[in-house]
Amino acid sequence: MTAPVLLATEPTQLFEVPALEHMFEYPALFFENVTVLGIPLGFNRVALLTFVAVAILSALWLGAFRDPKVVPGKFQAVMESIVGFIRDYIVIEVIGPAGLRFVPFLTTLFVFIFLGNLFEVTPLINFPITSRMALPAFLAFVTWTIFVLVGIKEQGGRGYMRNVALPPGVPGWVMPLVIPIEVLSTFLVRPLTLSIRLFANMLAGHIILTIIFIGANAFFFDIHSLTFNMKGSIIGFLLGFLAGPTMVGFEIAISALQAYIFTILTAVYISSSMHPEH
């Protein structure tokens, strides 16, 4: 009696293109699933990278300004140029000399967002922490808190609410329509647009880069046998070695641009609280 012969009706699939959901689902990190008094600790990848960004930011400022030199070295000069850019081209231009006290906050905000965005193209990380809504939402909440408190301090509580709800020069018969629009725009739309703009741009870039490099891999290798695919190698080369680096450079520029936009809009909102006549 001969042994049965098993015939393969379908090729064995050794590799498959990962689904889009894989960009959003990661295995538990360290003690992510650990509970303390019945409350999940939830220390995931985003939290870890956020602490890494804070550590890098702290190291940059301490390294540059802990013992500043009259004639700065290259590193101190680079960091001073960042501070000078925020002071001269954002704070002075948007808020005016009265806003100089916000230079530390706005500079820290800019560099932190830029670092979080750069994780997207950092080897072995390849994940921008700002592509998770919680972090942009938190930064937008901090901005919202600051410009509201500044408005109350500079104009008084009633004066601030009056200037927000009743813009000067608006005819009285339009006020019933203008008041809810202005209040919602200031207290709801501003933080929402700040957070969603940053989140959506970084998430879109993350998806595009992932698709490009997964596509290059799929064209270079046969997904069933993992053998080199000569026919698709040209397209794989174009994607992996031309489109890929181009998009990486583009995303670095986008990372800086989104950090700048978030920072300058924060300055605009603070300015509107300090100078309601503008």
C-alpha atoms as a PDB file:
ATOM      1  CA  MET A   1       0.000   0.000   0.000  1.00  0.00           C
ATOM      2  CA  THR A   2       1.542   3.256  -1.101  1.00  0.00           C
ATOM      3  CA  ALA A   3       1.500   6.421   0.985  1.00  0.00           C
ATOM      4  CA  PRO A   4      -0.867   9.145  -0.183  1.00  0.00           C
ATOM      5  CA  VAL A   5       0.679  11.908  -2.206  1.00  0.00           C
ATOM      6  CA  LEU A   6      -0.283  15.456  -1.256  1.00  0.00           C
ATOM      7  CA  LEU A   7      -0.572  17.718  -4.246  1.00  0.00           C
ATOM      8  CA  ALA A   8      -0.237  21.469  -3.679  1.00  0.00           C
ATOM      9  CA  THR A   9      -3.129  23.119  -5.414  1.00  0.00           C
ATOM     10  CA  GLU A  10      -1.953  26.603  -4.468  1.00  0.00           C
ATOM     11  CA  PRO A  11       1.571  27.995  -4.097  1.00  0.00           C
ATOM     12  CA  THR A  12       2.852  28.310  -0.559  1.00  0.00           C
ATOM     13  CA  GLN A  13       2.717  31.957   0.413  1.00  0.00           C
ATOM     14  CA  LEU A  14       5.876  32.856   2.319  1.00  0.00           C
ATOM     15  CA  PHE A  15       5.296  36.584   2.343  1.00  0.00           C
ATOM     16  CA  GLU A  16       2.307  38.849   2.095  1.00  0.00           C
ATOM     17  CA  VAL A  17       2.006  42.583   1.733  1.00  0.00           C
ATOM     18  CA  PRO A  18       1.033  43.893   5.184  1.00  0.00           C
ATOM     19  CA  ALA A  19      -2.388  45.401   5.540  1.00  0.00           C
ATOM     20  CA  LEU A  20      -2.804  49.121   6.106  1.00  0.00           C
ATOM     21  CA  GLU A  21      -3.961  48.429   9.679  1.00  0.00           C
ATOM     22  CA  HIS A  22      -0.456  47.224  10.553  1.00  0.00           C
ATOM     23  CA  MET A  23       0.688  50.843  10.627  1.00  0.00           C
ATOM     24  CA  PHE A  24      -1.656  51.498  13.522  1.00  0.00           C
ATOM     25  CA  GLU A  25      -1.370  48.276  15.531  1.00  0.00           C
ATOM     26  CA  TYR A  26       1.787  47.458  17.459  1.00  0.00           C
ATOM     27  CA  PRO A  27       2.546  44.674  19.915  1.00  0.00           C
ATOM     28  CA  ALA A  28       2.445  45.526  23.592  1.00  0.00           C
ATOM     29  CA  LEU A  29       5.524  47.451  24.674  1.00  0.00           C
ATOM     30  CA  PHE A  30       7.222  46.717  27.996  1.00  0.00           C
ATOM     31  CA  PHE A  31       4.448  46.940  30.581  1.00  0.00           C
ATOM     32  CA  GLU A  32       1.710  48.347  28.361  1.00  0.00           C
ATOM     33  CA  ASN A  33      -0.753  45.674  29.509  1.00  0.00           C
ATOM     34  CA  VAL A  34       0.193  45.939  33.192  1.00  0.00           C
ATOM     35  CA  THR A  35      -2.532  47.279  35.470  1.00  0.00           C
ATOM     36  CA  VAL A  36      -2.022  49.292  38.650  1.00  0.00           C
ATOM     37  CA  LEU A  37      -4.960  49.146  41.069  1.00  0.00           C
ATOM     38  CA  GLY A  38      -7.064  47.867  38.204  1.00  0.00           C
ATOM     39  CA  ILE A  39      -6.091  50.754  35.903  1.00  0.00           C
ATOM     40  CA  PRO A  40      -4.145  49.861  32.713  1.00  0.00           C
ATOM     41  CA  LEU A  41      -0.753  51.562  32.719  1.00  0.00           C
ATOM     42  CA  GLY A  42      -0.867  51.960  28.915  1.00  0.00           C
ATOM     43  CA  PHE A  43       2.815  52.831  28.435  1.00  0.00           C
ATOM     44  CA  ASN A  44       2.937  52.223  24.689  1.00  0.00           C
ATOM     45  CA  ARG A  45       5.236  53.113  21.831  1.00  0.00           C
ATOM     46  CA  VAL A  46       3.865  56.650  21.511  1.00  0.00           C
ATOM     47  CA  ALA A  47       4.503  57.338  25.206  1.00  0.00           C
ATOM     48  CA  LEU A  48       8.047  55.959  24.991  1.00  0.00           C
ATOM     49  CA  LEU A  49       8.922  58.052  21.929  1.00  0.00           C
ATOM     50  CA  THR A  50       7.387  61.128  23.548  1.00  0.00           C
ATOM     51  CA  PHE A  51       9.758  60.716  26.502  1.00  0.00           C
ATOM     52  CA  VAL A  52      12.615  60.195  24.036  1.00  0.00           C
ATOM     53  CA  ALA A  53      11.706  63.458  22.278  1.00  0.00           C
ATOM     54  CA  VAL A  54      11.599  65.278  25.629  1.00  0.00           C
ATOM     55  CA  ALA A  55      15.007  63.817  26.559  1.00  0.00           C
ATOM     56  CA  ILE A  56      16.528  64.895  23.234  1.00  0.00           C
ATOM     57  CA  LEU A  57      15.001  68.363  23.575  1.00  0.00           C
ATOM     58  CA  SER A  58      16.360  68.728  27.112  1.00  0.00           C
ATOM     59  CA  ALA A  59      19.802  67.551  26.014  1.00  0.00           C
ATOM     60  CA  LEU A  60      19.832  70.076  23.170  1.00  0.00           C
ATOM     61  CA  TRP A  61      19.026  73.044  25.410  1.00  0.00           C
ATOM     62  CA  LEU A  62      21.327  71.961  28.233  1.00  0.00           C
ATOM     63  CA  GLY A  63      24.175  71.198  25.852  1.00  0.00           C
ATOM     64  CA  ALA A  64      23.850  74.547  24.102  1.00  0.00           C
ATOM     65  CA  PHE A  65      23.068  76.948  26.941  1.00  0.00           C
ATOM     66  CA  ARG A  66      24.215  75.385  30.220  1.00  0.00           C
ATOM     67  CA  ASP A  67      27.622  77.042  29.774  1.00  0.00           C
ATOM     68  CA  PRO A  68      27.186  79.500  26.881  1.00  0.00           C
ATOM     69  CA  LYS A  69      30.260  81.049  25.312  1.00  0.00           C
ATOM     70  CA  VAL A  70      30.657  84.648  24.238  1.00  0.00           C
ATOM     71  CA  VAL A  71      32.011  83.321  20.947  1.00  0.00           C
ATOM     72  CA  PRO A  72      29.670  80.378  20.352  1.00  0.00           C
ATOM     73  CA  GLY A  73      30.755  77.092  18.891  1.00  0.00           C
ATOM     74  CA  LYS A  74      28.923  75.476  15.990  1.00  0.00           C
ATOM     75  CA  PHE A  75      26.374  73.663  18.150  1.00  0.00           C
ATOM     76  CA  GLN A  76      25.585  76.705  20.286  1.00  0.00           C
ATOM     77  CA  ALA A  77      25.382  78.844  17.139  1.00  0.00           C
ATOM     78  CA  VAL A  78      22.839  76.472  15.567  1.00  0.00           C
ATOM     79  CA  MET A  79      20.650  76.475  18.671  1.00  0.00           C
ATOM     80  CA  GLU A  80      20.932  80.246  18.997  1.00  0.00           C
ATOM     81  CA  SER A  81      19.858  80.605  15.369  1.00  0.00           C
ATOM     82  CA  ILE A  82      16.700  78.605  16.119  1.00  0.00           C
ATOM     83  CA  VAL A  83      15.893  80.814  19.099  1.00  0.00           C
ATOM     84  CA  GLY A  84      16.671  83.907  17.038  1.00  0.00           C
ATOM     85  CA  PHE A  85      14.397  82.731  14.224  1.00  0.00           C
ATOM     86  CA  ILE A  86      11.468  82.212  16.591  1.00  0.00           C
ATOM     87  CA  ARG A  87      12.125  85.536  18.341  1.00  0.00           C
ATOM     88  CA  ASP A  88      12.628  87.707  15.244  1.00  0.00           C
ATOM     89  CA  TYR A  89      10.347  86.142  12.644  1.00  0.00           C
ATOM     90  CA  ILE A  90       7.477  84.854  14.777  1.00  0.00           C
ATOM     91  CA  VAL A  91       7.296  86.620  18.125  1.00  0.00           C
ATOM     92  CA  ILE A  92       8.406  90.131  17.078  1.00  0.00           C
ATOM     93  CA  GLU A  93       6.612  90.014  13.729  1.00  0.00           C
ATOM     94  CA  VAL A  94       3.334  88.570  15.040  1.00  0.00           C
ATOM     95  CA  ILE A  95       3.027  89.592  18.697  1.00  0.00           C
ATOM     96  CA  GLY A  96       5.466  92.464  19.030  1.00  0.00           C
ATOM     97  CA  PRO A  97       8.024  93.265  21.750  1.00  0.00           C
ATOM     98  CA  ALA A  98       5.435  92.526  24.445  1.00  0.00           C
ATOM     99  CA  GLY A  99       5.502  88.880  23.381  1.00  0.00           C
ATOM    100  CA  LEU A 100       9.186  88.285  24.094  1.00  0.00           C
ATOM    101  CA  ARG A 101       8.261  86.442  27.282  1.00  0.00           C
ATOM    102  CA  PHE A 102       6.714  83.727  25.106  1.00  0.00           C
ATOM    103  CA  VAL A 103       9.947  83.020  23.203  1.00  0.00           C
ATOM    104  CA  PRO A 104      10.936  80.056  25.449  1.00  0.00           C
ATOM    105  CA  PHE A 105       7.501  78.451  25.121  1.00  0.00           C
ATOM    106  CA  LEU A 106       7.210  78.935  21.356  1.00  0.00           C
ATOM    107  CA  THR A 107      10.785  77.778  20.733  1.00  0.00           C
ATOM    108  CA  THR A 108      10.246  74.648  22.816  1.00  0.00           C
ATOM    109  CA  LEU A 109       6.951  74.008  21.039  1.00  0.00           C
ATOM    110  CA  PHE A 110       8.572  74.319  17.600  1.00  0.00           C
ATOM    111  CA  VAL A 111      11.542  72.063  18.344  1.00  0.00           C
ATOM    112  CA  PHE A 112       9.447  69.422  20.131  1.00  0.00           C
ATOM    113  CA  ILE A 113       6.965  69.151  17.244  1.00  0.00           C
ATOM    114  CA  PHE A 114       9.812  69.052  14.714  1.00  0.00           C
ATOM    115  CA  LEU A 115      11.529  66.242  16.632  1.00  0.00           C
ATOM    116  CA  GLY A 116       8.269  64.296  16.917  1.00  0.00           C
ATOM    117  CA  ASN A 117       7.705  64.710  13.183  1.00  0.00           C
ATOM    118  CA  LEU A 118      11.276  63.660  12.325  1.00  0.00           C
ATOM    119  CA  PHE A 119      10.739  60.270  13.954  1.00  0.00           C
ATOM    120  CA  GLU A 120       8.848  59.454  10.755  1.00  0.00           C
ATOM    121  CA  VAL A 121      12.119  59.217   8.795  1.00  0.00           C
ATOM    122  CA  THR A 122      14.394  58.114  11.653  1.00  0.00           C
ATOM    123  CA  PRO A 123      15.837  54.621  11.016  1.00  0.00           C
ATOM    124  CA  LEU A 124      14.524  51.866  13.317  1.00  0.00           C
ATOM    125  CA  ILE A 125      11.683  54.169  14.426  1.00  0.00           C
ATOM    126  CA  ASN A 126       9.889  55.303  11.245  1.00  0.00           C
ATOM    127  CA  PHE A 127       6.908  56.517  13.213  1.00  0.00           C
ATOM    128  CA  PRO A 128       5.925  60.159  13.831  1.00  0.00           C
ATOM    129  CA  ILE A 129       4.414  60.526  17.290  1.00  0.00           C
ATOM    130  CA  THR A 130       2.362  63.456  15.986  1.00  0.00           C
ATOM    131  CA  SER A 131       0.445  61.038  13.740  1.00  0.00           C
ATOM    132  CA  ARG A 132      -1.542  59.998  16.815  1.00  0.00           C
ATOM    133  CA  MET A 133      -4.328  62.433  17.575  1.00  0.00           C
ATOM    134  CA  ALA A 134      -3.738  62.478  21.347  1.00  0.00           C
ATOM    135  CA  LEU A 135      -0.425  64.344  21.154  1.00  0.00           C
ATOM    136  CA  PRO A 136      -1.479  67.119  18.719  1.00  0.00           C
ATOM    137  CA  ALA A 137      -4.699  67.475  20.708  1.00  0.00           C
ATOM    138  CA  PHE A 138      -2.724  67.895  23.943  1.00  0.00           C
ATOM    139  CA  LEU A 139      -0.427  70.505  22.362  1.00  0.00           C
ATOM    140  CA  ALA A 140      -3.466  72.340  20.991  1.00  0.00           C
ATOM    141  CA  PHE A 141      -5.054  72.256  24.464  1.00  0.00           C
ATOM    142  CA  VAL A 142      -1.898  73.801  25.961  1.00  0.00           C
ATOM    143  CA  THR A 143      -2.009  76.530  23.311  1.00  0.00           C
ATOM    144  CA  TRP A 144      -5.726  77.089  23.940  1.00  0.00           C
ATOM    145  CA  THR A 145      -5.149  77.372  27.692  1.00  0.00           C
ATOM    146  CA  ILE A 146      -2.351  79.901  27.249  1.00  0.00           C
ATOM    147  CA  PHE A 147      -4.120  82.254  24.854  1.00  0.00           C
ATOM    148  CA  VAL A 148      -7.335  82.172  26.920  1.00  0.00           C
ATOM    149  CA  LEU A 149      -5.447  82.944  30.144  1.00  0.00           C
ATOM    150  CA  VAL A 150      -3.498  85.697  28.389  1.00  0.00           C
ATOM    151  CA  GLY A 151      -6.761  87.196  27.136  1.00  0.00           C
ATOM    152  CA  ILE A 152      -8.287  87.143  30.614  1.00  0.00           C
ATOM    153  CA  LYS A 153      -5.151  88.661  32.151  1.00  0.00           C
ATOM    154  CA  GLU A 154      -4.756  91.412  29.560  1.00  0.00           C
ATOM    155  CA  GLN A 155      -8.424  92.327  29.072  1.00  0.00           C
ATOM    156  CA  GLY A 156     -10.191  90.960  32.128  1.00  0.00           C
ATOM    157  CA  GLY A 157     -12.693  88.131  31.981  1.00  0.00           C
ATOM    158  CA  ARG A 158     -15.675  90.196  30.807  1.00  0.00           C
ATOM    159  CA  GLY A 159     -13.609  92.339  28.476  1.00  0.00           C
ATOM    160  CA  TYR A 160     -12.064  89.297  26.837  1.00  0.00           C
ATOM    161  CA  MET A 161     -15.408  87.580  26.280  1.00  0.00           C
ATOM    162  CA  ARG A 162     -16.913  90.829  24.973  1.00  0.00           C
ATOM    163  CA  ASN A 163     -14.069  91.375  22.496  1.00  0.00           C
ATOM    164  CA  VAL A 164     -14.271  87.771  21.328  1.00  0.00           C
ATOM    165  CA  ALA A 165     -18.038  87.717  20.894  1.00  0.00           C
ATOM    166  CA  LEU A 166     -18.564  91.297  19.678  1.00  0.00           C
ATOM    167  CA  PRO A 167     -16.010  92.273  17.016  1.00  0.00           C
ATOM    168  CA  PRO A 168     -15.848  96.056  16.509  1.00  0.00           C
ATOM    169  CA  GLY A 169     -17.527  97.532  13.472  1.00  0.00           C
ATOM    170  CA  VAL A 170     -20.140  94.805  13.040  1.00  0.00           C
ATOM    171  CA  PRO A 171     -23.717  96.127  12.553  1.00  0.00           C
ATOM    172  CA  GLY A 172     -26.073  95.335  15.397  1.00  0.00           C
ATOM    173  CA  TRP A 173     -28.550  93.412  13.258  1.00  0.00           C
ATOM    174  CA  VAL A 174     -25.806  90.903  12.348  1.00  0.00           C
ATOM    175  CA  MET A 175     -24.733  90.309  15.950  1.00  0.00           C
ATOM    176  CA  PRO A 176     -27.083  87.314  16.601  1.00  0.00           C
ATOM    177  CA  LEU A 177     -25.308  85.497  13.795  1.00  0.00           C
ATOM    178  CA  VAL A 178     -21.781  86.748  14.489  1.00  0.00           C
ATOM    179  CA  ILE A 179     -21.682  86.043  18.243  1.00  0.00           C
ATOM    180  CA  PRO A 180     -22.025  82.230  18.104  1.00  0.00           C
ATOM    181  CA  ILE A 181     -19.672  82.063  15.102  1.00  0.00           C
ATOM    182  CA  GLU A 182     -16.956  84.069  16.856  1.00  0.00           C
ATOM    183  CA  VAL A 183     -17.286  82.191  20.151  1.00  0.00           C
ATOM    184  CA  LEU A 184     -17.168  78.771  18.476  1.00  0.00           C
ATOM    185  CA  SER A 185     -14.318  79.859  16.234  1.00  0.00           C
ATOM    186  CA  THR A 186     -12.181  81.054  19.147  1.00  0.00           C
ATOM    187  CA  PHE A 187     -12.850  78.394  21.749  1.00  0.00           C
ATOM    188  CA  LEU A 188     -13.561  75.295  19.640  1.00  0.00           C
ATOM    189  CA  VAL A 189     -12.397  75.663  16.043  1.00  0.00           C
ATOM    190  CA  ARG A 190      -8.935  76.998  16.869  1.00  0.00           C
ATOM    191  CA  PRO A 191      -7.751  74.006  18.947  1.00  0.00           C
ATOM    192  CA  LEU A 192      -9.485  71.562  16.594  1.00  0.00           C
ATOM    193  CA  THR A 193      -7.839  72.940  13.460  1.00  0.00           C
ATOM    194  CA  LEU A 194      -4.444  73.150  15.172  1.00  0.00           C
ATOM    195  CA  SER A 195      -4.511  69.497  16.201  1.00  0.00           C
ATOM    196  CA  ILE A 196      -6.193  68.032  13.109  1.00  0.00           C
ATOM    197  CA  ARG A 197      -3.878  69.883  10.690  1.00  0.00           C
ATOM    198  CA  LEU A 198      -0.752  68.488  12.351  1.00  0.00           C
ATOM    199  CA  PHE A 199      -2.201  65.013  12.871  1.00  0.00           C
ATOM    200  CA  ALA A 200      -3.602  64.653   9.336  1.00  0.00           C
ATOM    201  CA  ASN A 201      -0.470  65.862   7.545  1.00  0.00           C
ATOM    202  CA  MET A 202       1.878  63.588   9.463  1.00  0.00           C
ATOM    203  CA  LEU A 203      -0.454  60.600   9.173  1.00  0.00           C
ATOM    204  CA  ALA A 204      -0.773  61.125   5.409  1.00  0.00           C
ATOM    205  CA  GLY A 205       3.007  61.302   5.019  1.00  0.00           C
ATOM    206  CA  HIS A 206       3.419  58.147   7.103  1.00  0.00           C
ATOM    207  CA  ILE A 207       0.956  56.286   4.884  1.00  0.00           C
ATOM    208  CA  ILE A 208       2.585  57.496   1.638  1.00  0.00           C
ATOM    209  CA  LEU A 209       6.087  56.464   2.735  1.00  0.00           C
ATOM    210  CA  THR A 210       4.809  53.073   3.859  1.00  0.00           C
ATOM    211  CA  ILE A 211       3.049  52.451   0.548  1.00  0.00           C
ATOM    212  CA  ILE A 212       6.133  53.464  -1.458  1.00  0.00           C
ATOM    213  CA  PHE A 213       8.549  51.142   0.347  1.00  0.00           C
ATOM    214  CA  ILE A 214       6.100  48.238   0.592  1.00  0.00           C
ATOM    215  CA  GLY A 215       5.442  48.660  -3.129  1.00  0.00           C
ATOM    216  CA  ALA A 216       9.174  48.656  -3.888  1.00  0.00           C
ATOM    217  CA  ASN A 217       9.603  45.443  -1.906  1.00  0.00           C
ATOM    218  CA  ALA A 218       6.650  43.829  -3.719  1.00  0.00           C
ATOM    219  CA  PHE A 219       8.123  44.665  -7.139  1.00  0.00           C
ATOM    220  CA  PHE A 220      11.649  43.515  -6.262  1.00  0.00           C
ATOM    221  CA  PHE A 221      10.648  40.120  -4.873  1.00  0.00           C
ATOM    222  CA  ASP A 222       8.028  37.544  -5.783  1.00  0.00           C
ATOM    223  CA  ILE A 223       5.698  37.490  -2.784  1.00  0.00           C
ATOM    224  CA  HIS A 224       5.140  33.716  -3.053  1.00  0.00           C
ATOM    225  CA  SER A 225       8.707  32.405  -3.392  1.00  0.00           C
ATOM    226  CA  LEU A 226      10.737  35.397  -2.158  1.00  0.00           C
ATOM    227  CA  THR A 227      12.848  35.162  -5.327  1.00  0.00           C
ATOM    228  CA  PHE A 228      14.131  38.206  -7.155  1.00  0.00           C
ATOM    229  CA  ASN A 229      11.616  39.494  -9.676  1.00  0.00           C
ATOM    230  CA  MET A 230      13.497  40.666 -12.759  1.00  0.00           C
ATOM    231  CA  LYS A 231      10.398  41.990 -14.502  1.00  0.00           C
ATOM    232  CA  GLY A 232       9.362  44.219 -11.626  1.00  0.00           C
ATOM    233  CA  SER A 233      12.866  45.270 -10.605  1.00  0.00           C
ATOM    234  CA  ILE A 234      12.772  48.438 -12.716  1.00  0.00           C
ATOM    235  CA  ILE A 235       9.600  49.662 -11.017  1.00  0.00           C
ATOM    236  CA  GLY A 236      10.989  48.555  -7.654  1.00  0.00           C
ATOM    237  CA  PHE A 237      14.167  50.539  -8.323  1.00  0.00           C
ATOM    238  CA  LEU A 238      12.186  53.643  -9.261  1.00  0.00           C
ATOM    239  CA  LEU A 239      10.085  53.364  -6.108  1.00  0.00           C
ATOM    240  CA  GLY A 240      12.806  52.349  -3.666  1.00  0.00           C
ATOM    241  CA  PHE A 241      15.767  54.400  -4.851  1.00  0.00           C
ATOM    242  CA  LEU A 242      14.210  57.404  -6.566  1.00  0.00           C
ATOM    243  CA  ALA A 243      10.677  58.011  -5.261  1.00  0.00           C
ATOM    244  CA  GLY A 244      11.570  56.817  -1.739  1.00  0.00           C
ATOM    245  CA  PRO A 245      14.449  59.248  -0.999  1.00  0.00           C
ATOM    246  CA  THR A 246      12.550  62.052  -2.721  1.00  0.00           C
ATOM    247  CA  MET A 247       9.551  61.499  -0.463  1.00  0.00           C
ATOM    248  CA  VAL A 248      11.808  61.226   2.601  1.00  0.00           C
ATOM    249  CA  GLY A 249      13.288  64.651   1.795  1.00  0.00           C
ATOM    250  CA  PHE A 250       9.802  66.005   1.153  1.00  0.00           C
ATOM    251  CA  GLU A 251       8.585  64.678   4.517  1.00  0.00           C
ATOM    252  CA  ILE A 252      11.525  66.309   6.315  1.00  0.00           C
ATOM    253  CA  ALA A 253      10.470  69.615   4.763  1.00  0.00           C
ATOM    254  CA  ILE A 254       6.848  68.949   5.740  1.00  0.00           C
ATOM    255  CA  SER A 255       7.975  68.165   9.298  1.00  0.00           C
ATOM    256  CA  ALA A 256       9.620  71.572   9.603  1.00  0.00           C
ATOM    257  CA  LEU A 257       6.702  73.323   7.885  1.00  0.00           C
ATOM    258  CA  GLN A 258       4.078  71.778  10.164  1.00  0.00           C
ATOM    259  CA  ALA A 259       6.099  72.700  13.261  1.00  0.00           C
ATOM    260  CA  TYR A 260       6.366  76.262  11.932  1.00  0.00           C
ATOM    261  CA  ILE A 261       2.637  76.500  11.134  1.00  0.00           C
ATOM    262  CA  PHE A 262       1.634  75.226  14.577  1.00  0.00           C
ATOM    263  CA  THR A 263       4.028  77.677  16.248  1.00  0.00           C
ATOM    264  CA  ILE A 264       3.094  80.761  14.234  1.00  0.00           C
ATOM    265  CA  LEU A 265      -0.641  80.101  14.666  1.00  0.00           C
ATOM    266  CA  THR A 266      -0.054  79.811  18.403  1.00  0.00           C
ATOM    267  CA  ALA A 267       1.657  83.208  18.250  1.00  0.00           C
ATOM    268  CA  VAL A 268      -1.278  84.629  16.253  1.00  0.00           C
ATOM    269  CA  TYR A 269      -3.767  83.405  18.854  1.00  0.00           C
ATOM    270  CA  ILE A 270      -1.698  84.828  21.709  1.00  0.00           C
ATOM    271  CA  SER A 271      -1.423  88.120  19.838  1.00  0.00           C
ATOM    272  CA  SER A 272      -5.204  88.274  19.378  1.00  0.00           C
ATOM    273  CA  SER A 273      -5.590  87.865  23.132  1.00  0.00           C
ATOM    274  CA  MET A 274      -3.040  90.578  23.907  1.00  0.00           C
ATOM    275  CA  HIS A 275      -4.122  93.022  21.197  1.00  0.00           C
ATOM    276  CA  PRO A 276      -7.877  92.653  20.624  1.00  0.00           C
ATOM    277  CA  GLU A 277      -7.955  95.747  18.427  1.00  0.00           C
ATOM    278  CA  HIS A 278      -5.962  93.802  15.829  1.00  0.00           C
END
